[in-house]
């Protein structure tokens, strides 16, 4: 049974609405992931800085299980 133009238009509009919603959700996920990456980069930079400030002495003691 062939569909009429009104049915096709309704289906296309429905598909477009779903795609718009999905695009908005993906954009939000991307924004949150980007913020998390930036926070992790900052944390890594702080760890690198604190590692550079720490004394670089080898620990010659045996591990505690010996």
N, C-alpha and C. Protein backbone atom coordinates (compact mmCIF):
# COMPACT_ATOMS: atom_id res chain seq x y z
N UNK A 1 0.84 -1.17 0.00
CA UNK A 1 0.00 0.00 0.00
C UNK A 1 0.89 1.24 0.00
N UNK A 2 0.82 2.06 -1.01
CA UNK A 2 1.67 3.25 -1.08
C UNK A 2 1.27 4.28 -0.02
N UNK A 3 2.30 4.94 0.48
CA UNK A 3 2.05 5.98 1.48
C UNK A 3 1.80 7.30 0.76
N UNK A 4 0.98 8.10 1.36
CA UNK A 4 0.75 9.41 0.76
C UNK A 4 1.80 10.40 1.26
N UNK A 5 1.82 11.55 0.65
CA UNK A 5 2.83 12.56 0.99
C UNK A 5 2.72 13.02 2.43
N UNK A 6 1.53 13.07 2.96
CA UNK A 6 1.34 13.51 4.35
C UNK A 6 1.99 12.53 5.32
N UNK A 7 1.81 11.23 5.06
CA UNK A 7 2.43 10.22 5.92
C UNK A 7 3.95 10.29 5.81
N UNK A 8 4.46 10.44 4.62
CA UNK A 8 5.90 10.53 4.43
C UNK A 8 6.47 11.75 5.14
N UNK A 9 5.76 12.87 5.03
CA UNK A 9 6.20 14.10 5.69
C UNK A 9 6.21 13.92 7.20
N UNK A 10 5.19 13.28 7.73
CA UNK A 10 5.12 13.04 9.17
C UNK A 10 6.28 12.16 9.62
N UNK A 11 6.57 11.11 8.85
CA UNK A 11 7.68 10.23 9.19
C UNK A 11 9.01 10.97 9.14
N UNK A 12 9.20 11.80 8.13
CA UNK A 12 10.44 12.57 8.02
C UNK A 12 10.58 13.56 9.17
N UNK A 13 9.48 14.21 9.54
CA UNK A 13 9.52 15.15 10.66
C UNK A 13 9.83 14.42 11.96
N UNK A 14 9.29 13.23 12.12
CA UNK A 14 9.56 12.43 13.32
C UNK A 14 11.03 12.03 13.37
N UNK A 15 11.54 11.57 12.24
CA UNK A 15 12.96 11.21 12.18
C UNK A 15 13.84 12.41 12.48
N UNK A 16 13.50 13.56 11.94
CA UNK A 16 14.29 14.77 12.18
C UNK A 16 14.26 15.16 13.66
N UNK A 17 13.09 15.03 14.28
CA UNK A 17 12.99 15.35 15.71
C UNK A 17 13.87 14.42 16.54
N UNK A 18 13.87 13.13 16.21
CA UNK A 18 14.73 12.18 16.93
C UNK A 18 16.20 12.50 16.70
N UNK A 19 16.55 12.84 15.48
CA UNK A 19 17.95 13.18 15.19
C UNK A 19 18.37 14.45 15.90
N UNK A 20 17.48 15.43 15.97
CA UNK A 20 17.80 16.67 16.70
C UNK A 20 18.05 16.38 18.17
N UNK A 21 17.18 15.52 18.77
CA UNK A 21 17.35 15.17 20.17
C UNK A 21 18.67 14.42 20.38
N UNK A 22 18.96 13.49 19.49
CA UNK A 22 20.19 12.71 19.61
C UNK A 22 21.42 13.62 19.46
N UNK A 23 21.36 14.55 18.54
CA UNK A 23 22.47 15.48 18.35
C UNK A 23 22.68 16.33 19.60
N UNK A 24 21.61 16.77 20.22
CA UNK A 24 21.73 17.56 21.44
C UNK A 24 22.33 16.71 22.57
N UNK A 25 21.90 15.46 22.67
CA UNK A 25 22.45 14.57 23.71
C UNK A 25 23.93 14.30 23.47
N UNK A 26 24.30 14.04 22.23
CA UNK A 26 25.71 13.80 21.91
C UNK A 26 26.56 15.04 22.16
N UNK A 27 26.01 16.19 21.86
CA UNK A 27 26.73 17.43 22.10
C UNK A 27 26.97 17.62 23.60
N UNK A 28 25.97 17.29 24.40
CA UNK A 28 26.10 17.41 25.85
C UNK A 28 27.15 16.43 26.37
N UNK A 29 27.15 15.21 25.87
CA UNK A 29 28.16 14.22 26.28
C UNK A 29 29.55 14.72 25.91
N UNK A 30 29.69 15.23 24.71
CA UNK A 30 30.98 15.74 24.26
C UNK A 30 31.45 16.90 25.14
N UNK A 31 30.54 17.79 25.50
CA UNK A 31 30.89 18.93 26.35
C UNK A 31 31.37 18.44 27.72
N UNK A 32 30.64 17.47 28.31
CA UNK A 32 31.04 16.94 29.62
C UNK A 32 32.38 16.21 29.54
N UNK A 33 32.59 15.44 28.48
CA UNK A 33 33.86 14.73 28.33
C UNK A 33 35.02 15.71 28.14
N UNK A 34 34.77 16.77 27.39
CA UNK A 34 35.82 17.76 27.19
C UNK A 34 36.20 18.42 28.52
N UNK A 35 35.19 18.74 29.33
CA UNK A 35 35.46 19.34 30.64
C UNK A 35 36.24 18.37 31.52
N UNK A 36 35.90 17.09 31.46
CA UNK A 36 36.62 16.10 32.25
C UNK A 36 38.06 15.96 31.77
N UNK A 37 38.27 15.98 30.47
CA UNK A 37 39.63 15.90 29.92
C UNK A 37 40.45 17.10 30.38
N UNK A 38 39.86 18.28 30.34
CA UNK A 38 40.58 19.48 30.79
C UNK A 38 40.93 19.37 32.27
N UNK A 39 40.00 18.87 33.08
CA UNK A 39 40.28 18.71 34.51
C UNK A 39 41.39 17.69 34.73
N UNK A 40 41.39 16.61 33.98
CA UNK A 40 42.44 15.60 34.10
C UNK A 40 43.79 16.13 33.65
N UNK A 41 43.80 16.94 32.60
CA UNK A 41 45.05 17.55 32.16
C UNK A 41 45.62 18.47 33.24
N UNK A 42 44.76 19.23 33.89
CA UNK A 42 45.19 20.10 34.98
C UNK A 42 45.74 19.28 36.14
N UNK A 43 45.03 18.20 36.48
CA UNK A 43 45.49 17.33 37.56
C UNK A 43 46.84 16.70 37.21
N UNK A 44 47.02 16.28 35.98
CA UNK A 44 48.29 15.70 35.56
C UNK A 44 49.42 16.73 35.63
N UNK A 45 49.13 17.96 35.23
CA UNK A 45 50.15 19.01 35.31
C UNK A 45 50.54 19.26 36.76
N UNK A 46 49.57 19.24 37.67
CA UNK A 46 49.88 19.43 39.10
C UNK A 46 50.72 18.27 39.63
N UNK A 47 50.38 17.04 39.22
CA UNK A 47 51.17 15.89 39.66
C UNK A 47 52.59 15.96 39.12
N UNK A 48 52.72 16.36 37.87
CA UNK A 48 54.06 16.51 37.29
C UNK A 48 54.86 17.57 38.04
N UNK A 49 54.21 18.67 38.41
CA UNK A 49 54.89 19.73 39.14
C UNK A 49 55.30 19.26 40.53
N UNK A 50 54.43 18.52 41.20
CA UNK A 50 54.78 18.04 42.54
C UNK A 50 55.87 16.97 42.46
N UNK A 51 55.87 16.19 41.40
CA UNK A 51 56.91 15.19 41.21
C UNK A 51 58.26 15.87 40.97
N UNK A 52 58.26 16.96 40.24
CA UNK A 52 59.50 17.69 39.97
C UNK A 52 60.04 18.33 41.24
N UNK A 53 59.14 18.70 42.16
CA UNK A 53 59.56 19.34 43.41
C UNK A 53 60.04 18.32 44.44
N UNK A 54 59.67 17.07 44.30
CA UNK A 54 60.03 16.05 45.28
C UNK A 54 61.50 15.68 45.12
N UNK A 55 62.15 15.33 46.22
CA UNK A 55 63.54 14.90 46.12
C UNK A 55 63.64 13.61 45.31
N UNK A 56 64.69 13.50 44.57
CA UNK A 56 64.86 12.36 43.68
C UNK A 56 65.88 11.39 44.27
N UNK A 57 65.53 10.83 45.44
CA UNK A 57 66.41 9.91 46.13
C UNK A 57 65.87 8.49 45.97
N UNK A 58 66.72 7.57 45.56
CA UNK A 58 66.25 6.18 45.46
C UNK A 58 66.01 5.60 46.85
N UNK A 59 65.04 4.76 46.95
CA UNK A 59 64.72 4.10 48.22
C UNK A 59 65.37 2.72 48.20
N UNK A 60 66.48 2.59 48.96
CA UNK A 60 67.23 1.34 48.96
C UNK A 60 66.74 0.33 49.99
N UNK A 61 65.70 0.70 50.71
CA UNK A 61 65.18 -0.24 51.71
C UNK A 61 64.46 -1.39 51.01
N UNK A 62 64.52 -2.58 51.60
CA UNK A 62 63.77 -3.69 51.00
C UNK A 62 62.26 -3.46 51.18
N UNK A 63 61.48 -4.09 50.36
CA UNK A 63 60.04 -3.96 50.49
C UNK A 63 59.57 -4.52 51.83
N UNK A 64 58.42 -4.11 52.34
CA UNK A 64 57.98 -4.52 53.67
C UNK A 64 57.75 -6.03 53.82
N UNK A 65 57.58 -6.75 52.77
CA UNK A 65 57.31 -8.20 52.91
C UNK A 65 58.59 -9.00 53.13
N UNK A 66 59.77 -8.41 53.14
CA UNK A 66 61.00 -9.13 53.41
C UNK A 66 61.27 -9.20 54.89
